[in-house]
Amino acid sequence: MINKKLILSAFFMFAIAFSFAQTKEELKAQKAEKQAEADKFQSEANAIQAQIDALPGWRIGAFGTIGGSLSNFNNWYGQGTPNNSSGNIGITFNAFANKIEDKYFWRNSLTTNLAWTKFDDKDDPNDDDSFRTGTDVFNISSLYGRNISKTWAISGLADYRTTLLDNFNDPGFLDLGVGATWTPTSNLVVVIHPLNYNFVFAKNDAAFESSAGAKIVADYTRQIGAINFKSNFSTFQSYEDSDLSNFTWTNSFSYKLWKMIGVGFDFGLRSNKQEAANYQAVDLKDADNKLQTYYTIGMSYNF
């Protein structure tokens, strides 16, 4: 009798397990079927969006990153400064407004990266307890072109770069030039302007000097599903002195997690010997032109 009960119990347990496994596999199959349908509809939606993007008219968009942290310590004797408050706040904003027509285009972009930092030693009455500028980047550009083929255009560019929080327009760099623009895809724009003048606005005439040269800009902006990214490389090559040349490369990435909220990462590289000479208070020829870098990680937002 006991053996029969054991066999009967084992049979029922096997039947329940088999039924559960079968139900699980059926659910997985249903999920795979629905996912395939969703991928198909998403592909069709992307194709329709590509047709919309190809139509003449304005294209406007923006995305950015907000990162920050705040902390406060009281009597935390395990560290060198037991009583302190500190914080970091960073904001990155990228926006564009492009008018694309059959015969011409007008592309406008704005890039801003601002960051503040503080470290207040409460036991030091002379300590600066305010937020100080950590990152200060502002760039705005406007590119107009008349198409001569499907991918090439005669163009003119105005590009201005400075800081907003500290020393506004000291220095400030304004590039005005003409040349050609190559647009192999809707996401990539390459500007080649051999006729360009780099105006430099600054109080320190010993470190900064305006000059003529060539301006080259490559900008790639794209959205793939929940991912937004923008990469911009801009360089000025002076015809008068290589020490007056410079380049800036900025990159912004964001991944949408929920509605307009996500995570973002920004980083940039720059080489500018005039800025190095001004900061080091030395002659231009004596400046140690180290590579300038920055990065920001935090929450992102998309419009």
C-alpha atoms as a PDB file:
ATOM      1  CA  MET A   1       0.000   0.000   0.000  1.00  0.00           C
ATOM      2  CA  ILE A   2       2.815   2.358   0.861  1.00  0.00           C
ATOM      3  CA  ASN A   3       4.567   1.692  -2.435  1.00  0.00           C
ATOM      4  CA  LYS A   4       1.367   2.362  -4.354  1.00  0.00           C
ATOM      5  CA  LYS A   5       0.929   5.661  -2.508  1.00  0.00           C
ATOM      6  CA  LEU A   6       4.517   6.647  -3.255  1.00  0.00           C
ATOM      7  CA  ILE A   7       4.131   5.731  -6.909  1.00  0.00           C
ATOM      8  CA  LEU A   8       0.824   7.603  -7.102  1.00  0.00           C
ATOM      9  CA  SER A   9       2.340  10.708  -5.429  1.00  0.00           C
ATOM     10  CA  ALA A  10       5.344  10.612  -7.716  1.00  0.00           C
ATOM     11  CA  PHE A  11       3.047  10.323 -10.730  1.00  0.00           C
ATOM     12  CA  PHE A  12       1.020  13.349  -9.666  1.00  0.00           C
ATOM     13  CA  MET A  13       4.184  15.375  -8.999  1.00  0.00           C
ATOM     14  CA  PHE A  14       5.563  14.444 -12.422  1.00  0.00           C
ATOM     15  CA  ALA A  15       2.275  15.367 -14.066  1.00  0.00           C
ATOM     16  CA  ILE A  16       2.215  18.761 -12.333  1.00  0.00           C
ATOM     17  CA  ALA A  17       5.862  19.451 -13.231  1.00  0.00           C
ATOM     18  CA  PHE A  18       5.251  18.416 -16.849  1.00  0.00           C
ATOM     19  CA  SER A  19       2.156  20.614 -17.020  1.00  0.00           C
ATOM     20  CA  PHE A  20       4.099  23.565 -15.553  1.00  0.00           C
ATOM     21  CA  ALA A  21       6.985  23.043 -17.993  1.00  0.00           C
ATOM     22  CA  GLN A  22       4.576  22.804 -20.898  1.00  0.00           C
ATOM     23  CA  THR A  23       2.802  25.992 -19.818  1.00  0.00           C
ATOM     24  CA  LYS A  24       6.157  27.789 -19.454  1.00  0.00           C
ATOM     25  CA  GLU A  25       7.267  26.740 -22.939  1.00  0.00           C
ATOM     26  CA  GLU A  26       3.927  27.838 -24.383  1.00  0.00           C
ATOM     27  CA  LEU A  27       4.300  31.247 -22.739  1.00  0.00           C
ATOM     28  CA  LYS A  28       7.841  31.577 -24.086  1.00  0.00           C
ATOM     29  CA  ALA A  29       6.584  30.724 -27.566  1.00  0.00           C
ATOM     30  CA  GLN A  30       3.804  33.310 -27.259  1.00  0.00           C
ATOM     31  CA  LYS A  31       6.313  35.903 -26.096  1.00  0.00           C
ATOM     32  CA  ALA A  32       8.640  35.177 -29.020  1.00  0.00           C
ATOM     33  CA  GLU A  33       5.714  35.482 -31.435  1.00  0.00           C
ATOM     34  CA  LYS A  34       4.634  38.833 -29.981  1.00  0.00           C
ATOM     35  CA  GLN A  35       8.238  40.092 -29.972  1.00  0.00           C
ATOM     36  CA  ALA A  36       8.572  39.202 -33.644  1.00  0.00           C
ATOM     37  CA  GLU A  37       5.402  41.156 -34.396  1.00  0.00           C
ATOM     38  CA  ALA A  38       6.660  44.122 -32.345  1.00  0.00           C
ATOM     39  CA  ASP A  39       9.992  44.094 -34.213  1.00  0.00           C
ATOM     40  CA  LYS A  40       8.143  44.044 -37.511  1.00  0.00           C
ATOM     41  CA  PHE A  41       5.965  47.018 -36.552  1.00  0.00           C
ATOM     42  CA  GLN A  42       9.009  48.888 -35.180  1.00  0.00           C
ATOM     43  CA  SER A  43      10.849  48.335 -38.454  1.00  0.00           C
ATOM     44  CA  GLU A  44       7.879  49.694 -40.379  1.00  0.00           C
ATOM     45  CA  ALA A  45       7.681  52.694 -38.037  1.00  0.00           C
ATOM     46  CA  ASN A  46      11.402  53.386 -38.534  1.00  0.00           C
ATOM     47  CA  ALA A  47      10.943  53.262 -42.306  1.00  0.00           C
ATOM     48  CA  ILE A  48       8.075  55.762 -42.093  1.00  0.00           C
ATOM     49  CA  GLN A  49      10.173  58.021 -39.850  1.00  0.00           C
ATOM     50  CA  ALA A  50      12.997  57.907 -42.412  1.00  0.00           C
ATOM     51  CA  GLN A  51      10.533  59.094 -45.078  1.00  0.00           C
ATOM     52  CA  ILE A  52       9.409  61.906 -42.772  1.00  0.00           C
ATOM     53  CA  ASP A  53      13.041  62.924 -42.134  1.00  0.00           C
ATOM     54  CA  ALA A  54      13.666  63.081 -45.880  1.00  0.00           C
ATOM     55  CA  LEU A  55      10.837  65.574 -46.434  1.00  0.00           C
ATOM     56  CA  PRO A  56      11.703  69.289 -46.788  1.00  0.00           C
ATOM     57  CA  GLY A  57      11.175  71.555 -43.783  1.00  0.00           C
ATOM     58  CA  TRP A  58      12.426  72.123 -40.260  1.00  0.00           C
ATOM     59  CA  ARG A  59      13.876  69.441 -38.014  1.00  0.00           C
ATOM     60  CA  ILE A  60      14.155  70.450 -34.364  1.00  0.00           C
ATOM     61  CA  GLY A  61      15.438  68.407 -31.443  1.00  0.00           C
ATOM     62  CA  ALA A  62      17.321  68.493 -28.150  1.00  0.00           C
ATOM     63  CA  PHE A  63      18.781  66.170 -25.533  1.00  0.00           C
ATOM     64  CA  GLY A  64      21.145  66.513 -22.604  1.00  0.00           C
ATOM     65  CA  THR A  65      22.547  65.180 -19.353  1.00  0.00           C
ATOM     66  CA  ILE A  66      22.170  66.225 -15.708  1.00  0.00           C
ATOM     67  CA  GLY A  67      24.639  64.810 -13.200  1.00  0.00           C
ATOM     68  CA  GLY A  68      25.216  65.654  -9.575  1.00  0.00           C
ATOM     69  CA  SER A  69      25.924  64.578  -6.023  1.00  0.00           C
ATOM     70  CA  LEU A  70      25.760  66.209  -2.593  1.00  0.00           C
ATOM     71  CA  SER A  71      27.324  64.963   0.643  1.00  0.00           C
ATOM     72  CA  ASN A  72      27.734  66.135   4.234  1.00  0.00           C
ATOM     73  CA  PHE A  73      30.030  64.719   6.951  1.00  0.00           C
ATOM     74  CA  ASN A  74      30.028  65.521  10.671  1.00  0.00           C
ATOM     75  CA  ASN A  75      32.669  64.105  13.049  1.00  0.00           C
ATOM     76  CA  TRP A  76      33.696  61.480  10.471  1.00  0.00           C
ATOM     77  CA  TYR A  77      37.125  61.008  12.001  1.00  0.00           C
ATOM     78  CA  GLY A  78      38.266  58.274   9.633  1.00  0.00           C
ATOM     79  CA  GLN A  79      38.984  60.838   6.935  1.00  0.00           C
ATOM     80  CA  GLY A  80      41.352  63.797   6.844  1.00  0.00           C
ATOM     81  CA  THR A  81      38.542  66.383   6.949  1.00  0.00           C
ATOM     82  CA  PRO A  82      35.949  65.012   9.417  1.00  0.00           C
ATOM     83  CA  ASN A  83      33.525  67.934   9.036  1.00  0.00           C
ATOM     84  CA  ASN A  84      32.791  68.906   5.450  1.00  0.00           C
ATOM     85  CA  SER A  85      30.120  69.320   2.824  1.00  0.00           C
ATOM     86  CA  SER A  86      30.755  68.791  -0.862  1.00  0.00           C
ATOM     87  CA  GLY A  87      28.864  68.685  -4.090  1.00  0.00           C
ATOM     88  CA  ASN A  88      29.068  68.380  -7.849  1.00  0.00           C
ATOM     89  CA  ILE A  89      26.456  69.520 -10.361  1.00  0.00           C
ATOM     90  CA  GLY A  90      26.772  69.183 -14.152  1.00  0.00           C
ATOM     91  CA  ILE A  91      24.421  70.084 -17.014  1.00  0.00           C
ATOM     92  CA  THR A  92      24.869  69.331 -20.711  1.00  0.00           C
ATOM     93  CA  PHE A  93      22.439  70.561 -23.375  1.00  0.00           C
ATOM     94  CA  ASN A  94      22.488  69.826 -27.108  1.00  0.00           C
ATOM     95  CA  ALA A  95      19.947  71.363 -29.478  1.00  0.00           C
ATOM     96  CA  PHE A  96      19.556  71.721 -33.222  1.00  0.00           C
ATOM     97  CA  ALA A  97      17.212  73.463 -35.661  1.00  0.00           C
ATOM     98  CA  ASN A  98      17.782  72.460 -39.269  1.00  0.00           C
ATOM     99  CA  LYS A  99      15.849  73.617 -42.314  1.00  0.00           C
ATOM    100  CA  ILE A 100      16.348  71.180 -45.182  1.00  0.00           C
ATOM    101  CA  GLU A 101      15.050  72.065 -48.645  1.00  0.00           C
ATOM    102  CA  ASP A 102      15.682  70.668 -52.115  1.00  0.00           C
ATOM    103  CA  LYS A 103      17.949  73.546 -53.205  1.00  0.00           C
ATOM    104  CA  TYR A 104      19.462  74.690 -49.906  1.00  0.00           C
ATOM    105  CA  PHE A 105      19.877  73.962 -46.194  1.00  0.00           C
ATOM    106  CA  TRP A 106      20.320  75.969 -43.016  1.00  0.00           C
ATOM    107  CA  ARG A 107      21.715  74.047 -40.034  1.00  0.00           C
ATOM    108  CA  ASN A 108      21.905  75.571 -36.550  1.00  0.00           C
ATOM    109  CA  SER A 109      23.275  73.904 -33.412  1.00  0.00           C
ATOM    110  CA  LEU A 110      23.893  74.765 -29.764  1.00  0.00           C
ATOM    111  CA  THR A 111      26.113  72.866 -27.307  1.00  0.00           C
ATOM    112  CA  THR A 112      26.445  73.808 -23.649  1.00  0.00           C
ATOM    113  CA  ASN A 113      28.270  71.988 -20.842  1.00  0.00           C
ATOM    114  CA  LEU A 114      28.254  73.599 -17.397  1.00  0.00           C
ATOM    115  CA  ALA A 115      29.425  72.150 -14.079  1.00  0.00           C
ATOM    116  CA  TRP A 116      29.873  73.450 -10.528  1.00  0.00           C
ATOM    117  CA  THR A 117      31.807  71.935  -7.638  1.00  0.00           C
ATOM    118  CA  LYS A 118      32.343  72.717  -3.946  1.00  0.00           C
ATOM    119  CA  PHE A 119      34.308  71.415  -0.985  1.00  0.00           C
ATOM    120  CA  ASP A 120      33.685  73.177   2.322  1.00  0.00           C
ATOM    121  CA  ASP A 121      35.922  72.360   5.292  1.00  0.00           C
ATOM    122  CA  LYS A 122      33.717  73.416   8.207  1.00  0.00           C
ATOM    123  CA  ASP A 123      36.711  73.529  10.569  1.00  0.00           C
ATOM    124  CA  ASP A 124      38.456  76.116   8.373  1.00  0.00           C
ATOM    125  CA  PRO A 125      36.796  79.556   8.729  1.00  0.00           C
ATOM    126  CA  ASN A 126      38.725  80.822   5.689  1.00  0.00           C
ATOM    127  CA  ASP A 127      37.577  77.989   3.459  1.00  0.00           C
ATOM    128  CA  ASP A 128      35.494  78.858   0.394  1.00  0.00           C
ATOM    129  CA  ASP A 129      32.098  77.206   0.908  1.00  0.00           C
ATOM    130  CA  SER A 130      30.537  78.292  -2.381  1.00  0.00           C
ATOM    131  CA  PHE A 131      30.050  76.365  -5.599  1.00  0.00           C
ATOM    132  CA  ARG A 132      32.792  77.133  -8.107  1.00  0.00           C
ATOM    133  CA  THR A 133      32.809  76.650 -11.842  1.00  0.00           C
ATOM    134  CA  GLY A 134      34.153  73.270 -12.896  1.00  0.00           C
ATOM    135  CA  THR A 135      33.226  72.999 -16.583  1.00  0.00           C
ATOM    136  CA  ASP A 136      32.209  75.901 -18.789  1.00  0.00           C
ATOM    137  CA  VAL A 137      31.627  75.201 -22.485  1.00  0.00           C
ATOM    138  CA  PHE A 138      29.388  77.130 -24.887  1.00  0.00           C
ATOM    139  CA  ASN A 139      29.295  76.718 -28.653  1.00  0.00           C
ATOM    140  CA  ILE A 140      26.798  77.921 -31.248  1.00  0.00           C
ATOM    141  CA  SER A 141      27.046  77.554 -35.013  1.00  0.00           C
ATOM    142  CA  SER A 142      25.060  78.331 -38.133  1.00  0.00           C
ATOM    143  CA  LEU A 143      25.747  76.708 -41.522  1.00  0.00           C
ATOM    144  CA  TYR A 144      24.056  77.772 -44.762  1.00  0.00           C
ATOM    145  CA  GLY A 145      24.536  75.965 -48.059  1.00  0.00           C
ATOM    146  CA  ARG A 146      23.278  75.898 -51.651  1.00  0.00           C
ATOM    147  CA  ASN A 147      23.214  72.428 -53.151  1.00  0.00           C
ATOM    148  CA  ILE A 148      25.220  71.752 -56.320  1.00  0.00           C
ATOM    149  CA  SER A 149      24.660  67.991 -56.210  1.00  0.00           C
ATOM    150  CA  LYS A 150      22.950  65.413 -54.024  1.00  0.00           C
ATOM    151  CA  THR A 151      25.801  65.367 -51.479  1.00  0.00           C
ATOM    152  CA  TRP A 152      27.799  68.570 -52.118  1.00  0.00           C
ATOM    153  CA  ALA A 153      26.978  72.221 -51.496  1.00  0.00           C
ATOM    154  CA  ILE A 154      28.658  75.635 -51.544  1.00  0.00           C
ATOM    155  CA  SER A 155      28.410  76.851 -47.951  1.00  0.00           C
ATOM    156  CA  GLY A 156      29.140  79.555 -45.413  1.00  0.00           C
ATOM    157  CA  LEU A 157      29.696  78.987 -41.688  1.00  0.00           C
ATOM    158  CA  ALA A 158      29.585  81.143 -38.559  1.00  0.00           C
ATOM    159  CA  ASP A 159      30.879  79.339 -35.484  1.00  0.00           C
ATOM    160  CA  TYR A 160      31.287  80.965 -32.040  1.00  0.00           C
ATOM    161  CA  ARG A 161      32.814  79.443 -28.905  1.00  0.00           C
ATOM    162  CA  THR A 162      33.363  80.920 -25.445  1.00  0.00           C
ATOM    163  CA  THR A 163      32.575  80.420 -21.746  1.00  0.00           C
ATOM    164  CA  LEU A 164      29.387  81.602 -20.023  1.00  0.00           C
ATOM    165  CA  LEU A 165      30.026  81.478 -16.277  1.00  0.00           C
ATOM    166  CA  ASP A 166      33.561  82.859 -16.089  1.00  0.00           C
ATOM    167  CA  ASN A 167      35.336  85.302 -18.394  1.00  0.00           C
ATOM    168  CA  PHE A 168      32.587  85.561 -20.997  1.00  0.00           C
ATOM    169  CA  ASN A 169      34.143  86.328 -24.392  1.00  0.00           C
ATOM    170  CA  ASP A 170      37.610  86.396 -22.805  1.00  0.00           C
ATOM    171  CA  PRO A 171      38.596  84.492 -24.782  1.00  0.00           C
ATOM    172  CA  GLY A 172      35.932  84.159 -27.443  1.00  0.00           C
ATOM    173  CA  PHE A 173      36.542  82.467 -30.814  1.00  0.00           C
ATOM    174  CA  LEU A 174      34.500  83.371 -33.888  1.00  0.00           C
ATOM    175  CA  ASP A 175      35.076  81.567 -37.182  1.00  0.00           C
ATOM    176  CA  LEU A 176      33.656  83.032 -40.393  1.00  0.00           C
ATOM    177  CA  GLY A 177      34.345  81.218 -43.636  1.00  0.00           C
ATOM    178  CA  VAL A 178      33.173  79.833 -46.955  1.00  0.00           C
ATOM    179  CA  GLY A 179      33.840  76.640 -48.841  1.00  0.00           C
ATOM    180  CA  ALA A 180      32.058  73.342 -49.382  1.00  0.00           C
ATOM    181  CA  THR A 181      29.885  70.994 -47.335  1.00  0.00           C
ATOM    182  CA  TRP A 182      29.651  67.254 -47.908  1.00  0.00           C
ATOM    183  CA  THR A 183      26.530  65.420 -46.684  1.00  0.00           C
ATOM    184  CA  PRO A 184      26.861  61.726 -47.584  1.00  0.00           C
ATOM    185  CA  THR A 185      23.966  60.789 -45.259  1.00  0.00           C
ATOM    186  CA  SER A 186      21.275  62.713 -43.401  1.00  0.00           C
ATOM    187  CA  ASN A 187      23.171  62.146 -40.136  1.00  0.00           C
ATOM    188  CA  LEU A 188      26.697  63.173 -41.186  1.00  0.00           C
ATOM    189  CA  VAL A 189      27.736  66.709 -42.168  1.00  0.00           C
ATOM    190  CA  VAL A 190      31.347  67.533 -43.106  1.00  0.00           C
ATOM    191  CA  VAL A 191      32.319  71.190 -43.586  1.00  0.00           C
ATOM    192  CA  ILE A 192      35.516  72.057 -45.510  1.00  0.00           C
ATOM    193  CA  HIS A 193      36.196  75.794 -45.603  1.00  0.00           C
ATOM    194  CA  PRO A 194      39.655  76.765 -46.903  1.00  0.00           C
ATOM    195  CA  LEU A 195      38.714  80.460 -46.758  1.00  0.00           C
ATOM    196  CA  ASN A 196      38.174  81.149 -43.057  1.00  0.00           C
ATOM    197  CA  TYR A 197      39.156  83.806 -40.556  1.00  0.00           C
ATOM    198  CA  ASN A 198      39.439  83.020 -36.856  1.00  0.00           C
ATOM    199  CA  PHE A 199      38.585  86.113 -34.798  1.00  0.00           C
ATOM    200  CA  VAL A 200      39.856  85.904 -31.215  1.00  0.00           C
ATOM    201  CA  PHE A 201      38.451  88.244 -28.549  1.00  0.00           C
ATOM    202  CA  ALA A 202      40.597  88.530 -25.406  1.00  0.00           C
ATOM    203  CA  LYS A 203      42.205  91.037 -23.074  1.00  0.00           C
ATOM    204  CA  ASN A 204      45.576  89.265 -23.196  1.00  0.00           C
ATOM    205  CA  ASP A 205      46.944  90.235 -26.612  1.00  0.00           C
ATOM    206  CA  ALA A 206      50.240  88.482 -25.883  1.00  0.00           C
ATOM    207  CA  ALA A 207      48.600  85.038 -25.819  1.00  0.00           C
ATOM    208  CA  PHE A 208      45.758  85.445 -28.307  1.00  0.00           C
ATOM    209  CA  GLU A 209      45.912  86.464 -31.951  1.00  0.00           C
ATOM    210  CA  SER A 210      43.422  86.314 -34.808  1.00  0.00           C
ATOM    211  CA  SER A 211      44.489  84.704 -38.076  1.00  0.00           C
ATOM    212  CA  ALA A 212      43.372  83.291 -41.412  1.00  0.00           C
ATOM    213  CA  GLY A 213      43.240  79.571 -41.989  1.00  0.00           C
ATOM    214  CA  ALA A 214      41.130  76.544 -42.874  1.00  0.00           C
ATOM    215  CA  LYS A 215      38.081  75.386 -40.919  1.00  0.00           C
ATOM    216  CA  ILE A 216      37.006  71.734 -40.925  1.00  0.00           C
ATOM    217  CA  VAL A 217      33.955  70.438 -39.038  1.00  0.00           C
ATOM    218  CA  ALA A 218      32.509  66.913 -38.919  1.00  0.00           C
ATOM    219  CA  ASP A 219      29.188  66.434 -37.116  1.00  0.00           C
ATOM    220  CA  TYR A 220      27.335  63.143 -36.674  1.00  0.00           C
ATOM    221  CA  THR A 221      23.942  63.116 -34.947  1.00  0.00           C
ATOM    222  CA  ARG A 222      21.665  60.093 -34.799  1.00  0.00           C
ATOM    223  CA  GLN A 223      18.869  58.396 -32.873  1.00  0.00           C
ATOM    224  CA  ILE A 224      18.587  54.606 -32.868  1.00  0.00           C
ATOM    225  CA  GLY A 225      15.635  53.431 -30.837  1.00  0.00           C
ATOM    226  CA  ALA A 226      16.175  54.600 -27.263  1.00  0.00           C
ATOM    227  CA  ILE A 227      19.751  55.777 -27.952  1.00  0.00           C
ATOM    228  CA  ASN A 228      20.685  59.357 -28.879  1.00  0.00           C
ATOM    229  CA  PHE A 229      24.235  60.348 -29.670  1.00  0.00           C
ATOM    230  CA  LYS A 230      26.067  63.301 -31.147  1.00  0.00           C
ATOM    231  CA  SER A 231      29.744  63.609 -32.069  1.00  0.00           C
ATOM    232  CA  ASN A 232      31.276  66.884 -33.260  1.00  0.00           C
ATOM    233  CA  PHE A 233      34.870  67.483 -34.339  1.00  0.00           C
ATOM    234  CA  SER A 234      35.940  71.039 -35.161  1.00  0.00           C
ATOM    235  CA  THR A 235      39.413  72.229 -36.079  1.00  0.00           C
ATOM    236  CA  PHE A 236      41.005  75.474 -37.242  1.00  0.00           C
ATOM    237  CA  GLN A 237      44.372  75.240 -38.992  1.00  0.00           C
ATOM    238  CA  SER A 238      46.085  78.630 -39.160  1.00  0.00           C
ATOM    239  CA  TYR A 239      47.976  79.604 -42.319  1.00  0.00           C
ATOM    240  CA  GLU A 240      50.159  82.017 -40.308  1.00  0.00           C
ATOM    241  CA  ASP A 241      51.427  79.963 -37.340  1.00  0.00           C
ATOM    242  CA  SER A 242      50.711  76.407 -36.183  1.00  0.00           C
ATOM    243  CA  ASP A 243      50.587  77.690 -32.582  1.00  0.00           C
ATOM    244  CA  LEU A 244      47.369  79.519 -33.530  1.00  0.00           C
ATOM    245  CA  SER A 245      45.667  76.287 -34.617  1.00  0.00           C
ATOM    246  CA  ASN A 246      43.220  74.397 -32.398  1.00  0.00           C
ATOM    247  CA  PHE A 247      40.714  71.548 -32.314  1.00  0.00           C
ATOM    248  CA  THR A 248      37.744  70.502 -30.162  1.00  0.00           C
ATOM    249  CA  TRP A 249      36.013  67.091 -30.142  1.00  0.00           C
ATOM    250  CA  THR A 250      32.809  66.674 -28.110  1.00  0.00           C
ATOM    251  CA  ASN A 251      30.597  63.588 -27.714  1.00  0.00           C
ATOM    252  CA  SER A 252      27.188  63.139 -26.101  1.00  0.00           C
ATOM    253  CA  PHE A 253      25.315  59.862 -25.509  1.00  0.00           C
ATOM    254  CA  SER A 254      21.964  59.221 -23.870  1.00  0.00           C
ATOM    255  CA  TYR A 255      19.855  56.103 -23.350  1.00  0.00           C
ATOM    256  CA  LYS A 256      16.138  56.526 -22.703  1.00  0.00           C
ATOM    257  CA  LEU A 257      14.861  54.389 -19.833  1.00  0.00           C
ATOM    258  CA  TRP A 258      11.366  55.775 -19.287  1.00  0.00           C
ATOM    259  CA  LYS A 259       9.538  58.415 -21.321  1.00  0.00           C
ATOM    260  CA  MET A 260      12.008  61.358 -21.522  1.00  0.00           C
ATOM    261  CA  ILE A 261      14.274  60.169 -18.685  1.00  0.00           C
ATOM    262  CA  GLY A 262      17.403  58.088 -19.110  1.00  0.00           C
ATOM    263  CA  VAL A 263      21.130  57.969 -18.479  1.00  0.00           C
ATOM    264  CA  GLY A 264      23.727  60.086 -20.269  1.00  0.00           C
ATOM    265  CA  PHE A 265      27.451  60.359 -20.785  1.00  0.00           C
ATOM    266  CA  ASP A 266      29.397  63.284 -22.256  1.00  0.00           C
ATOM    267  CA  PHE A 267      33.092  63.755 -22.848  1.00  0.00           C
ATOM    268  CA  GLY A 268      35.268  66.192 -24.751  1.00  0.00           C
ATOM    269  CA  LEU A 269      38.851  66.772 -25.890  1.00  0.00           C
ATOM    270  CA  ARG A 270      40.512  70.039 -26.862  1.00  0.00           C
ATOM    271  CA  SER A 271      43.918  71.331 -27.887  1.00  0.00           C
ATOM    272  CA  ASN A 272      44.458  75.104 -27.906  1.00  0.00           C
ATOM    273  CA  LYS A 273      47.938  76.494 -27.257  1.00  0.00           C
ATOM    274  CA  GLN A 274      46.639  80.064 -26.941  1.00  0.00           C
ATOM    275  CA  GLU A 275      44.401  79.067 -24.022  1.00  0.00           C
ATOM    276  CA  ALA A 276      47.311  77.174 -22.429  1.00  0.00           C
ATOM    277  CA  ALA A 277      49.590  80.222 -22.706  1.00  0.00           C
ATOM    278  CA  ASN A 278      46.950  82.485 -21.187  1.00  0.00           C
ATOM    279  CA  TYR A 279      46.354  80.118 -18.241  1.00  0.00           C
ATOM    280  CA  GLN A 280      50.066  79.568 -17.595  1.00  0.00           C
ATOM    281  CA  ALA A 281      50.830  83.319 -18.001  1.00  0.00           C
ATOM    282  CA  VAL A 282      53.700  82.653 -20.408  1.00  0.00           C
ATOM    283  CA  ASP A 283      54.521  83.551 -23.988  1.00  0.00           C
ATOM    284  CA  LEU A 284      52.786  81.534 -26.681  1.00  0.00           C
ATOM    285  CA  LYS A 285      56.001  79.770 -27.742  1.00  0.00           C
ATOM    286  CA  ASP A 286      56.728  78.696 -24.144  1.00  0.00           C
ATOM    287  CA  ALA A 287      53.294  77.253 -23.339  1.00  0.00           C
ATOM    288  CA  ASP A 288      52.937  73.583 -22.424  1.00  0.00           C
ATOM    289  CA  ASN A 289      49.937  72.644 -24.534  1.00  0.00           C
ATOM    290  CA  LYS A 290      48.535  69.646 -22.659  1.00  0.00           C
ATOM    291  CA  LEU A 291      45.392  67.941 -23.937  1.00  0.00           C
ATOM    292  CA  GLN A 292      42.237  69.363 -22.314  1.00  0.00           C
ATOM    293  CA  THR A 293      39.515  66.868 -21.319  1.00  0.00           C
ATOM    294  CA  TYR A 294      36.178  66.678 -19.502  1.00  0.00           C
ATOM    295  CA  TYR A 295      33.365  64.170 -18.916  1.00  0.00           C
ATOM    296  CA  THR A 296      29.903  64.153 -17.311  1.00  0.00           C
ATOM    297  CA  ILE A 297      27.797  61.147 -16.253  1.00  0.00           C
ATOM    298  CA  GLY A 298      24.248  61.392 -14.958  1.00  0.00           C
ATOM    299  CA  MET A 299      20.559  61.404 -15.754  1.00  0.00           C
ATOM    300  CA  SER A 300      19.584  62.409 -19.292  1.00  0.00           C
ATOM    301  CA  TYR A 301      16.507  63.991 -20.790  1.00  0.00           C
ATOM    302  CA  ASN A 302      15.187  63.971 -24.350  1.00  0.00           C
ATOM    303  CA  PHE A 303      12.711  66.171 -26.148  1.00  0.00           C
END
